[in-house]
């Protein structure tokens, strides 16, 4: 078992994101998860990401606030405790259009080169 306290979470930068602060909660460490890593992102009002896609799936879980997600021309608003899966190579845009901070949990598989 690996317990990691919130105070131990490390910040990370994400390309093509703005108005966001991200922390790695689990992953890329000895004794951590073998298949995926978990991050937490806090998006300021007006913050967001994209458009872009990755070759692996992602799971988003909204912990606080709301996030507008656009995929394949379809727009939806995710609110507290809503979640979604973004398929591999699926282009998406996320935007915090509210006046509140949006806190989002992100679960992403390791890139293949990290598993070698």
C-alpha atoms as a PDB file:
ATOM      1  CA  UNK A   1       0.000   0.000   0.000  1.00  0.00           C
ATOM      2  CA  UNK A   2       1.199   3.472  -0.803  1.00  0.00           C
ATOM      3  CA  UNK A   3      -0.373   6.341   1.118  1.00  0.00           C
ATOM      4  CA  UNK A   4       0.379   9.762  -0.241  1.00  0.00           C
ATOM      5  CA  UNK A   5      -0.779  12.795   1.698  1.00  0.00           C
ATOM      6  CA  UNK A   6      -2.215  15.773  -0.144  1.00  0.00           C
ATOM      7  CA  UNK A   7       0.696  17.863   1.150  1.00  0.00           C
ATOM      8  CA  UNK A   8       3.041  15.514  -0.769  1.00  0.00           C
ATOM      9  CA  UNK A   9       1.282  15.970  -4.127  1.00  0.00           C
ATOM     10  CA  UNK A  10       3.552  17.527  -6.735  1.00  0.00           C
ATOM     11  CA  UNK A  11       2.523  20.193  -9.257  1.00  0.00           C
ATOM     12  CA  UNK A  12       2.755  19.465 -12.960  1.00  0.00           C
ATOM     13  CA  UNK A  13       2.313  21.526 -16.117  1.00  0.00           C
ATOM     14  CA  UNK A  14      -0.015  20.400 -18.875  1.00  0.00           C
ATOM     15  CA  UNK A  15       0.396  21.580 -22.481  1.00  0.00           C
ATOM     16  CA  UNK A  16      -2.524  23.447 -24.062  1.00  0.00           C
ATOM     17  CA  UNK A  17      -4.165  24.178 -20.668  1.00  0.00           C
ATOM     18  CA  UNK A  18      -4.752  27.652 -19.212  1.00  0.00           C
ATOM     19  CA  UNK A  19      -6.004  29.046 -15.925  1.00  0.00           C
ATOM     20  CA  UNK A  20      -5.305  25.798 -14.113  1.00  0.00           C
ATOM     21  CA  UNK A  21      -3.162  24.445 -11.287  1.00  0.00           C
ATOM     22  CA  UNK A  22      -2.579  20.674 -11.353  1.00  0.00           C
ATOM     23  CA  UNK A  23      -1.260  18.262  -8.731  1.00  0.00           C
ATOM     24  CA  UNK A  24      -0.211  14.630  -9.203  1.00  0.00           C
ATOM     25  CA  UNK A  25      -1.896  12.669  -6.404  1.00  0.00           C
ATOM     26  CA  UNK A  26      -0.681   9.184  -7.368  1.00  0.00           C
ATOM     27  CA  UNK A  27       1.566   7.780 -10.051  1.00  0.00           C
ATOM     28  CA  UNK A  28       5.098   7.717 -11.417  1.00  0.00           C
ATOM     29  CA  UNK A  29       6.543   6.724  -8.017  1.00  0.00           C
ATOM     30  CA  UNK A  30       7.900   3.524  -6.464  1.00  0.00           C
ATOM     31  CA  UNK A  31       5.049   1.485  -4.981  1.00  0.00           C
ATOM     32  CA  UNK A  32       2.387   3.573  -6.739  1.00  0.00           C
ATOM     33  CA  UNK A  33      -0.213   2.417  -9.256  1.00  0.00           C
ATOM     34  CA  UNK A  34       1.059   0.127 -11.997  1.00  0.00           C
ATOM     35  CA  UNK A  35      -1.317   1.113 -14.817  1.00  0.00           C
ATOM     36  CA  UNK A  36      -2.471   4.704 -14.397  1.00  0.00           C
ATOM     37  CA  UNK A  37      -1.818   7.947 -12.597  1.00  0.00           C
ATOM     38  CA  UNK A  38      -4.244  10.287 -10.848  1.00  0.00           C
ATOM     39  CA  UNK A  39      -4.185  14.068 -10.950  1.00  0.00           C
ATOM     40  CA  UNK A  40      -6.301  16.841  -9.535  1.00  0.00           C
ATOM     41  CA  UNK A  41      -6.770  20.040 -11.503  1.00  0.00           C
ATOM     42  CA  UNK A  42      -8.252  23.286 -10.237  1.00  0.00           C
ATOM     43  CA  UNK A  43      -9.554  25.436 -13.082  1.00  0.00           C
ATOM     44  CA  UNK A  44     -10.139  29.122 -12.429  1.00  0.00           C
ATOM     45  CA  UNK A  45     -13.162  30.794 -14.026  1.00  0.00           C
ATOM     46  CA  UNK A  46     -12.308  31.049 -17.720  1.00  0.00           C
ATOM     47  CA  UNK A  47      -9.732  28.248 -17.452  1.00  0.00           C
ATOM     48  CA  UNK A  48      -9.741  25.276 -19.754  1.00  0.00           C
ATOM     49  CA  UNK A  49      -7.903  23.019 -22.177  1.00  0.00           C
ATOM     50  CA  UNK A  50      -7.847  22.017 -25.813  1.00  0.00           C
ATOM     51  CA  UNK A  51      -8.769  21.438 -28.414  1.00  0.00           C
ATOM     52  CA  UNK A  52      -6.635  18.327 -28.339  1.00  0.00           C
ATOM     53  CA  UNK A  53      -6.680  14.544 -28.117  1.00  0.00           C
ATOM     54  CA  UNK A  54      -4.428  11.859 -26.673  1.00  0.00           C
ATOM     55  CA  UNK A  55      -3.782   8.305 -27.865  1.00  0.00           C
ATOM     56  CA  UNK A  56      -5.139   6.915 -24.570  1.00  0.00           C
ATOM     57  CA  UNK A  57      -8.422   7.283 -22.702  1.00  0.00           C
ATOM     58  CA  UNK A  58      -8.974   9.656 -19.786  1.00  0.00           C
ATOM     59  CA  UNK A  59     -11.551   9.769 -17.003  1.00  0.00           C
ATOM     60  CA  UNK A  60     -12.697  13.083 -15.530  1.00  0.00           C
ATOM     61  CA  UNK A  61     -14.584  13.361 -12.225  1.00  0.00           C
ATOM     62  CA  UNK A  62     -15.872  16.769 -11.113  1.00  0.00           C
ATOM     63  CA  UNK A  63     -15.363  17.244  -7.367  1.00  0.00           C
ATOM     64  CA  UNK A  64     -16.486  20.881  -7.129  1.00  0.00           C
ATOM     65  CA  UNK A  65     -17.921  23.410  -9.543  1.00  0.00           C
ATOM     66  CA  UNK A  66     -18.722  22.655 -13.153  1.00  0.00           C
ATOM     67  CA  UNK A  67     -16.945  22.161 -16.460  1.00  0.00           C
ATOM     68  CA  UNK A  68     -18.282  22.511 -19.999  1.00  0.00           C
ATOM     69  CA  UNK A  69     -17.027  19.675 -22.193  1.00  0.00           C
ATOM     70  CA  UNK A  70     -17.226  19.691 -25.991  1.00  0.00           C
ATOM     71  CA  UNK A  71     -16.592  16.493 -27.990  1.00  0.00           C
ATOM     72  CA  UNK A  72     -17.529  15.883 -31.630  1.00  0.00           C
ATOM     73  CA  UNK A  73     -19.532  19.113 -31.677  1.00  0.00           C
ATOM     74  CA  UNK A  74     -21.633  17.989 -28.696  1.00  0.00           C
ATOM     75  CA  UNK A  75     -21.507  20.187 -25.603  1.00  0.00           C
ATOM     76  CA  UNK A  76     -22.390  19.080 -22.084  1.00  0.00           C
ATOM     77  CA  UNK A  77     -21.919  20.523 -18.612  1.00  0.00           C
ATOM     78  CA  UNK A  78     -20.426  18.255 -15.959  1.00  0.00           C
ATOM     79  CA  UNK A  79     -21.289  19.149 -12.369  1.00  0.00           C
ATOM     80  CA  UNK A  80     -20.262  17.928  -8.915  1.00  0.00           C
ATOM     81  CA  UNK A  81     -19.716  14.133  -8.904  1.00  0.00           C
ATOM     82  CA  UNK A  82     -20.468  13.804 -12.640  1.00  0.00           C
ATOM     83  CA  UNK A  83     -17.835  11.882 -14.577  1.00  0.00           C
ATOM     84  CA  UNK A  84     -16.989  11.056 -18.163  1.00  0.00           C
ATOM     85  CA  UNK A  85     -14.611   8.951 -20.196  1.00  0.00           C
ATOM     86  CA  UNK A  86     -12.782  10.486 -23.142  1.00  0.00           C
ATOM     87  CA  UNK A  87     -11.907   7.792 -25.686  1.00  0.00           C
ATOM     88  CA  UNK A  88      -8.445   7.445 -27.241  1.00  0.00           C
ATOM     89  CA  UNK A  89      -7.898  10.021 -30.010  1.00  0.00           C
ATOM     90  CA  UNK A  90     -11.214  11.750 -29.209  1.00  0.00           C
ATOM     91  CA  UNK A  91     -10.747  15.500 -29.520  1.00  0.00           C
ATOM     92  CA  UNK A  92     -12.167  17.514 -26.654  1.00  0.00           C
ATOM     93  CA  UNK A  93     -12.333  21.048 -25.312  1.00  0.00           C
ATOM     94  CA  UNK A  94     -13.017  21.768 -21.635  1.00  0.00           C
ATOM     95  CA  UNK A  95     -13.907  25.215 -20.318  1.00  0.00           C
ATOM     96  CA  UNK A  96     -14.869  26.537 -16.902  1.00  0.00           C
ATOM     97  CA  UNK A  97     -17.568  28.992 -17.930  1.00  0.00           C
ATOM     98  CA  UNK A  98     -18.740  29.552 -14.349  1.00  0.00           C
ATOM     99  CA  UNK A  99     -17.585  32.089 -11.778  1.00  0.00           C
ATOM    100  CA  UNK A 100     -16.431  29.336  -9.391  1.00  0.00           C
ATOM    101  CA  UNK A 101     -13.265  27.238  -9.309  1.00  0.00           C
ATOM    102  CA  UNK A 102     -13.782  23.783 -10.810  1.00  0.00           C
ATOM    103  CA  UNK A 103     -11.892  20.946  -9.112  1.00  0.00           C
ATOM    104  CA  UNK A 104     -11.513  17.910 -11.334  1.00  0.00           C
ATOM    105  CA  UNK A 105      -9.973  14.498 -10.691  1.00  0.00           C
ATOM    106  CA  UNK A 106      -8.218  13.052 -13.755  1.00  0.00           C
ATOM    107  CA  UNK A 107      -7.286   9.378 -14.229  1.00  0.00           C
ATOM    108  CA  UNK A 108      -4.984   8.594 -17.154  1.00  0.00           C
ATOM    109  CA  UNK A 109      -3.115   5.409 -18.130  1.00  0.00           C
ATOM    110  CA  UNK A 110       0.653   5.649 -18.252  1.00  0.00           C
ATOM    111  CA  UNK A 111       2.067   6.373 -21.712  1.00  0.00           C
ATOM    112  CA  UNK A 112       3.585   3.205 -23.230  1.00  0.00           C
ATOM    113  CA  UNK A 113       7.154   4.531 -22.827  1.00  0.00           C
ATOM    114  CA  UNK A 114       6.618   4.886 -19.048  1.00  0.00           C
ATOM    115  CA  UNK A 115       5.751   1.176 -18.793  1.00  0.00           C
ATOM    116  CA  UNK A 116       8.993  -0.004 -20.406  1.00  0.00           C
END
